[in-house]
């Protein structure tokens, strides 16, 4: 499942950034990749979940997404770690760029 998630998430960004994005994603676990993919998927399905310009606003949206998930409870440190990785992914690829290609 890891290679499929890396390929799918890398495809969400423009060609010039795909190599860097693939490199970043290849260092993540399946669980971390799945969390990122769930967030991107939720953004696709929820048209009101549009791009935010600031890192702080994106962090707020990610926290709201995490609270709304129905996964079994995990430790707070694990949740925070995944949220940090997602925020880093979104900032690395440029949230505006993702919003213009996916949302």
N, C-alpha and C. Protein backbone atom coordinates (compact mmCIF):
# COMPACT_ATOMS: atom_id res chain seq x y z
N UNK A 1 0.82 -1.19 0.00
CA UNK A 1 0.00 0.00 0.00
C UNK A 1 0.87 1.26 0.00
N UNK A 2 2.04 1.24 0.62
CA UNK A 2 2.89 2.43 0.68
C UNK A 2 3.20 3.01 -0.70
N UNK A 3 3.69 2.16 -1.64
CA UNK A 3 4.03 2.74 -2.96
C UNK A 3 2.83 3.38 -3.65
N UNK A 4 1.66 2.81 -3.48
CA UNK A 4 0.45 3.37 -4.08
C UNK A 4 0.13 4.73 -3.49
N UNK A 5 0.22 4.85 -2.18
CA UNK A 5 -0.05 6.14 -1.53
C UNK A 5 0.98 7.19 -1.92
N UNK A 6 2.25 6.81 -1.97
CA UNK A 6 3.30 7.75 -2.38
C UNK A 6 3.03 8.24 -3.79
N UNK A 7 2.70 7.33 -4.70
CA UNK A 7 2.43 7.70 -6.09
C UNK A 7 1.21 8.60 -6.19
N UNK A 8 0.14 8.25 -5.48
CA UNK A 8 -1.09 9.03 -5.54
C UNK A 8 -0.89 10.44 -4.97
N UNK A 9 -0.24 10.54 -3.83
CA UNK A 9 -0.02 11.85 -3.23
C UNK A 9 0.95 12.69 -4.05
N UNK A 10 1.94 12.06 -4.63
CA UNK A 10 2.89 12.79 -5.48
C UNK A 10 2.21 13.33 -6.73
N UNK A 11 1.21 12.62 -7.19
CA UNK A 11 0.49 13.04 -8.40
C UNK A 11 -0.36 14.28 -8.16
N UNK A 12 -0.57 14.65 -6.91
CA UNK A 12 -1.39 15.82 -6.57
C UNK A 12 -0.64 17.13 -6.76
N UNK A 13 0.64 17.08 -7.03
CA UNK A 13 1.43 18.31 -7.16
C UNK A 13 1.95 18.45 -8.58
N UNK A 14 2.38 19.64 -8.91
CA UNK A 14 2.93 19.90 -10.24
C UNK A 14 4.21 19.12 -10.46
N UNK A 15 4.51 18.84 -11.70
CA UNK A 15 5.68 18.04 -12.08
C UNK A 15 6.99 18.50 -11.44
N UNK A 16 7.29 19.80 -11.41
CA UNK A 16 8.59 20.21 -10.85
C UNK A 16 8.77 19.80 -9.38
N UNK A 17 7.69 19.67 -8.65
CA UNK A 17 7.79 19.34 -7.23
C UNK A 17 7.57 17.86 -6.94
N UNK A 18 7.24 17.07 -7.92
CA UNK A 18 6.92 15.67 -7.68
C UNK A 18 8.09 14.88 -7.13
N UNK A 19 9.28 15.13 -7.61
CA UNK A 19 10.45 14.39 -7.13
C UNK A 19 10.72 14.66 -5.65
N UNK A 20 10.71 15.94 -5.27
CA UNK A 20 10.92 16.30 -3.87
C UNK A 20 9.80 15.75 -2.99
N UNK A 21 8.58 15.84 -3.49
CA UNK A 21 7.44 15.34 -2.74
C UNK A 21 7.54 13.84 -2.55
N UNK A 22 7.89 13.13 -3.60
CA UNK A 22 8.04 11.67 -3.53
C UNK A 22 9.13 11.30 -2.52
N UNK A 23 10.22 12.05 -2.52
CA UNK A 23 11.31 11.79 -1.57
C UNK A 23 10.84 11.99 -0.13
N UNK A 24 10.11 13.07 0.13
CA UNK A 24 9.58 13.33 1.46
C UNK A 24 8.63 12.22 1.88
N UNK A 25 7.71 11.85 0.99
CA UNK A 25 6.71 10.85 1.32
C UNK A 25 7.30 9.46 1.49
N UNK A 26 8.37 9.15 0.78
CA UNK A 26 8.96 7.81 0.87
C UNK A 26 9.54 7.52 2.24
N UNK A 27 9.78 8.55 3.05
CA UNK A 27 10.30 8.35 4.40
C UNK A 27 9.22 8.16 5.45
N UNK A 28 7.95 8.19 5.03
CA UNK A 28 6.85 8.09 5.99
C UNK A 28 6.32 6.66 6.06
N UNK A 29 5.70 6.34 7.19
CA UNK A 29 5.10 5.02 7.37
C UNK A 29 3.77 4.95 6.62
N UNK A 30 3.25 3.76 6.47
CA UNK A 30 1.94 3.58 5.82
C UNK A 30 0.85 4.32 6.57
N UNK A 31 0.89 4.28 7.87
CA UNK A 31 -0.09 4.96 8.71
C UNK A 31 -0.04 6.48 8.50
N UNK A 32 1.16 7.03 8.42
CA UNK A 32 1.33 8.47 8.19
C UNK A 32 0.85 8.86 6.79
N UNK A 33 1.19 8.04 5.81
CA UNK A 33 0.74 8.30 4.44
C UNK A 33 -0.78 8.24 4.33
N UNK A 34 -1.37 7.28 5.02
CA UNK A 34 -2.81 7.14 4.99
C UNK A 34 -3.49 8.36 5.62
N UNK A 35 -2.93 8.88 6.68
CA UNK A 35 -3.48 10.08 7.31
C UNK A 35 -3.46 11.25 6.34
N UNK A 36 -2.34 11.45 5.66
CA UNK A 36 -2.22 12.53 4.68
C UNK A 36 -3.23 12.32 3.55
N UNK A 37 -3.33 11.09 3.06
CA UNK A 37 -4.27 10.79 1.96
C UNK A 37 -5.72 11.02 2.39
N UNK A 38 -6.04 10.68 3.63
CA UNK A 38 -7.40 10.92 4.13
C UNK A 38 -7.71 12.41 4.16
N UNK A 39 -6.74 13.22 4.57
CA UNK A 39 -6.97 14.66 4.61
C UNK A 39 -7.16 15.22 3.20
N UNK A 40 -6.29 14.83 2.28
CA UNK A 40 -6.41 15.31 0.90
C UNK A 40 -7.74 14.85 0.32
N UNK A 41 -8.13 13.60 0.59
CA UNK A 41 -9.42 13.09 0.11
C UNK A 41 -10.59 13.85 0.69
N UNK A 42 -10.50 14.19 1.97
CA UNK A 42 -11.60 14.95 2.58
C UNK A 42 -11.72 16.33 1.97
N UNK A 43 -10.60 16.91 1.60
CA UNK A 43 -10.62 18.23 0.95
C UNK A 43 -11.27 18.14 -0.43
N UNK A 44 -11.03 17.05 -1.11
CA UNK A 44 -11.63 16.86 -2.42
C UNK A 44 -13.15 16.73 -2.30
N UNK A 45 -13.59 15.97 -1.29
CA UNK A 45 -15.02 15.73 -1.11
C UNK A 45 -15.76 16.91 -0.50
N UNK A 46 -15.09 17.70 0.28
CA UNK A 46 -15.72 18.82 0.97
C UNK A 46 -15.31 20.12 0.32
N UNK A 47 -16.15 20.63 -0.56
CA UNK A 47 -15.78 21.84 -1.31
C UNK A 47 -15.66 23.07 -0.41
N UNK A 48 -16.21 23.02 0.81
CA UNK A 48 -16.08 24.16 1.71
C UNK A 48 -14.73 24.16 2.42
N UNK A 49 -13.96 23.09 2.27
CA UNK A 49 -12.66 22.96 2.94
C UNK A 49 -11.57 23.47 2.00
N UNK A 50 -11.65 24.75 1.72
CA UNK A 50 -10.75 25.33 0.73
C UNK A 50 -9.42 25.76 1.34
N UNK A 51 -8.56 26.15 0.49
CA UNK A 51 -7.20 26.55 0.83
C UNK A 51 -7.14 27.68 1.85
N UNK A 52 -6.18 27.59 2.72
CA UNK A 52 -5.87 28.66 3.67
C UNK A 52 -4.51 29.22 3.28
N UNK A 53 -4.32 30.48 3.53
CA UNK A 53 -3.05 31.08 3.13
C UNK A 53 -1.96 30.93 4.19
N UNK A 54 -2.33 31.02 5.46
CA UNK A 54 -1.29 30.99 6.48
C UNK A 54 -1.11 29.59 7.05
N UNK A 55 0.08 29.35 7.54
CA UNK A 55 0.39 28.07 8.17
C UNK A 55 -0.50 27.86 9.40
N UNK A 56 -0.77 28.94 10.13
CA UNK A 56 -1.61 28.85 11.33
C UNK A 56 -3.04 28.43 10.96
N UNK A 57 -3.58 28.99 9.89
CA UNK A 57 -4.92 28.62 9.45
C UNK A 57 -4.97 27.16 9.00
N UNK A 58 -3.93 26.73 8.27
CA UNK A 58 -3.88 25.33 7.86
C UNK A 58 -3.81 24.41 9.07
N UNK A 59 -3.03 24.77 10.07
CA UNK A 59 -2.92 23.97 11.28
C UNK A 59 -4.27 23.84 11.97
N UNK A 60 -5.05 24.91 11.98
CA UNK A 60 -6.39 24.86 12.56
C UNK A 60 -7.31 23.92 11.82
N UNK A 61 -7.23 23.94 10.51
CA UNK A 61 -8.05 23.03 9.69
C UNK A 61 -7.63 21.57 9.90
N UNK A 62 -6.35 21.35 10.01
CA UNK A 62 -5.85 19.99 10.25
C UNK A 62 -6.32 19.49 11.61
N UNK A 63 -6.27 20.34 12.62
CA UNK A 63 -6.74 19.96 13.96
C UNK A 63 -8.22 19.63 13.93
N UNK A 64 -9.01 20.40 13.21
CA UNK A 64 -10.44 20.13 13.09
C UNK A 64 -10.67 18.80 12.38
N UNK A 65 -9.89 18.53 11.34
CA UNK A 65 -9.98 17.26 10.63
C UNK A 65 -9.66 16.10 11.58
N UNK A 66 -8.61 16.26 12.35
CA UNK A 66 -8.20 15.20 13.28
C UNK A 66 -9.30 14.94 14.31
N UNK A 67 -9.92 15.97 14.82
CA UNK A 67 -11.00 15.80 15.80
C UNK A 67 -12.20 15.09 15.20
N UNK A 68 -12.44 15.29 13.92
CA UNK A 68 -13.59 14.70 13.26
C UNK A 68 -13.40 13.27 12.79
N UNK A 69 -12.20 12.78 12.84
CA UNK A 69 -11.93 11.40 12.41
C UNK A 69 -12.55 10.42 13.39
N UNK A 70 -12.93 9.27 12.88
CA UNK A 70 -13.56 8.27 13.73
C UNK A 70 -12.67 7.06 13.93
N UNK A 71 -11.38 7.25 13.90
CA UNK A 71 -10.45 6.16 14.17
C UNK A 71 -10.43 5.86 15.65
N UNK A 72 -9.97 4.67 16.01
CA UNK A 72 -9.82 4.39 17.44
C UNK A 72 -8.85 5.40 18.06
N UNK A 73 -9.08 5.76 19.31
CA UNK A 73 -8.21 6.75 19.94
C UNK A 73 -6.75 6.28 19.95
N UNK A 74 -5.87 7.19 19.59
CA UNK A 74 -4.43 6.92 19.64
C UNK A 74 -3.81 7.90 20.62
N UNK A 75 -2.58 7.66 20.94
CA UNK A 75 -1.94 8.57 21.89
C UNK A 75 -1.81 9.96 21.28
N UNK A 76 -1.85 10.95 22.13
CA UNK A 76 -1.80 12.34 21.71
C UNK A 76 -0.52 12.64 20.93
N UNK A 77 0.59 12.07 21.36
CA UNK A 77 1.86 12.32 20.66
C UNK A 77 1.80 11.81 19.22
N UNK A 78 1.15 10.66 19.00
CA UNK A 78 1.02 10.12 17.65
C UNK A 78 0.14 11.02 16.79
N UNK A 79 -0.96 11.50 17.36
CA UNK A 79 -1.85 12.41 16.63
C UNK A 79 -1.12 13.70 16.25
N UNK A 80 -0.39 14.25 17.18
CA UNK A 80 0.34 15.50 16.93
C UNK A 80 1.42 15.28 15.87
N UNK A 81 2.09 14.15 15.93
CA UNK A 81 3.13 13.83 14.95
C UNK A 81 2.54 13.78 13.54
N UNK A 82 1.40 13.11 13.39
CA UNK A 82 0.76 13.02 12.08
C UNK A 82 0.31 14.39 11.59
N UNK A 83 -0.20 15.20 12.50
CA UNK A 83 -0.64 16.54 12.12
C UNK A 83 0.55 17.39 11.66
N UNK A 84 1.68 17.25 12.32
CA UNK A 84 2.88 17.98 11.92
C UNK A 84 3.34 17.54 10.54
N UNK A 85 3.33 16.23 10.29
CA UNK A 85 3.74 15.72 8.98
C UNK A 85 2.81 16.21 7.88
N UNK A 86 1.51 16.21 8.15
CA UNK A 86 0.55 16.70 7.17
C UNK A 86 0.77 18.18 6.89
N UNK A 87 0.95 18.96 7.93
CA UNK A 87 1.20 20.38 7.76
C UNK A 87 2.48 20.61 6.95
N UNK A 88 3.50 19.85 7.25
CA UNK A 88 4.76 19.96 6.50
C UNK A 88 4.55 19.59 5.03
N UNK A 89 3.80 18.54 4.78
CA UNK A 89 3.50 18.12 3.41
C UNK A 89 2.79 19.25 2.67
N UNK A 90 1.75 19.81 3.29
CA UNK A 90 0.98 20.87 2.64
C UNK A 90 1.81 22.12 2.40
N UNK A 91 2.67 22.46 3.34
CA UNK A 91 3.52 23.64 3.18
C UNK A 91 4.61 23.40 2.12
N UNK A 92 5.14 22.20 2.08
CA UNK A 92 6.17 21.90 1.09
C UNK A 92 5.64 21.99 -0.33
N UNK A 93 4.42 21.54 -0.54
CA UNK A 93 3.88 21.54 -1.90
C UNK A 93 3.17 22.84 -2.23
N UNK A 94 2.96 23.69 -1.24
CA UNK A 94 2.26 24.96 -1.46
C UNK A 94 0.78 24.71 -1.49
N UNK A 95 0.10 25.06 -0.44
CA UNK A 95 -1.33 24.78 -0.35
C UNK A 95 -2.10 25.39 -1.51
N UNK A 96 -1.72 26.57 -1.98
CA UNK A 96 -2.42 27.17 -3.09
C UNK A 96 -2.29 26.31 -4.34
N UNK A 97 -1.12 25.71 -4.50
CA UNK A 97 -0.89 24.85 -5.65
C UNK A 97 -1.79 23.63 -5.59
N UNK A 98 -1.88 23.02 -4.41
CA UNK A 98 -2.74 21.86 -4.25
C UNK A 98 -4.18 22.23 -4.49
N UNK A 99 -4.60 23.39 -4.01
CA UNK A 99 -6.00 23.78 -4.17
C UNK A 99 -6.35 24.00 -5.64
N UNK A 100 -5.40 24.46 -6.44
CA UNK A 100 -5.71 24.71 -7.84
C UNK A 100 -5.73 23.44 -8.67
N UNK A 101 -5.08 22.37 -8.20
CA UNK A 101 -5.06 21.15 -8.98
C UNK A 101 -6.03 20.11 -8.48
N UNK A 102 -6.37 20.15 -7.19
CA UNK A 102 -7.22 19.10 -6.63
C UNK A 102 -8.58 19.62 -6.23
N UNK A 103 -8.64 20.76 -5.57
CA UNK A 103 -9.91 21.22 -5.01
C UNK A 103 -10.76 21.73 -6.12
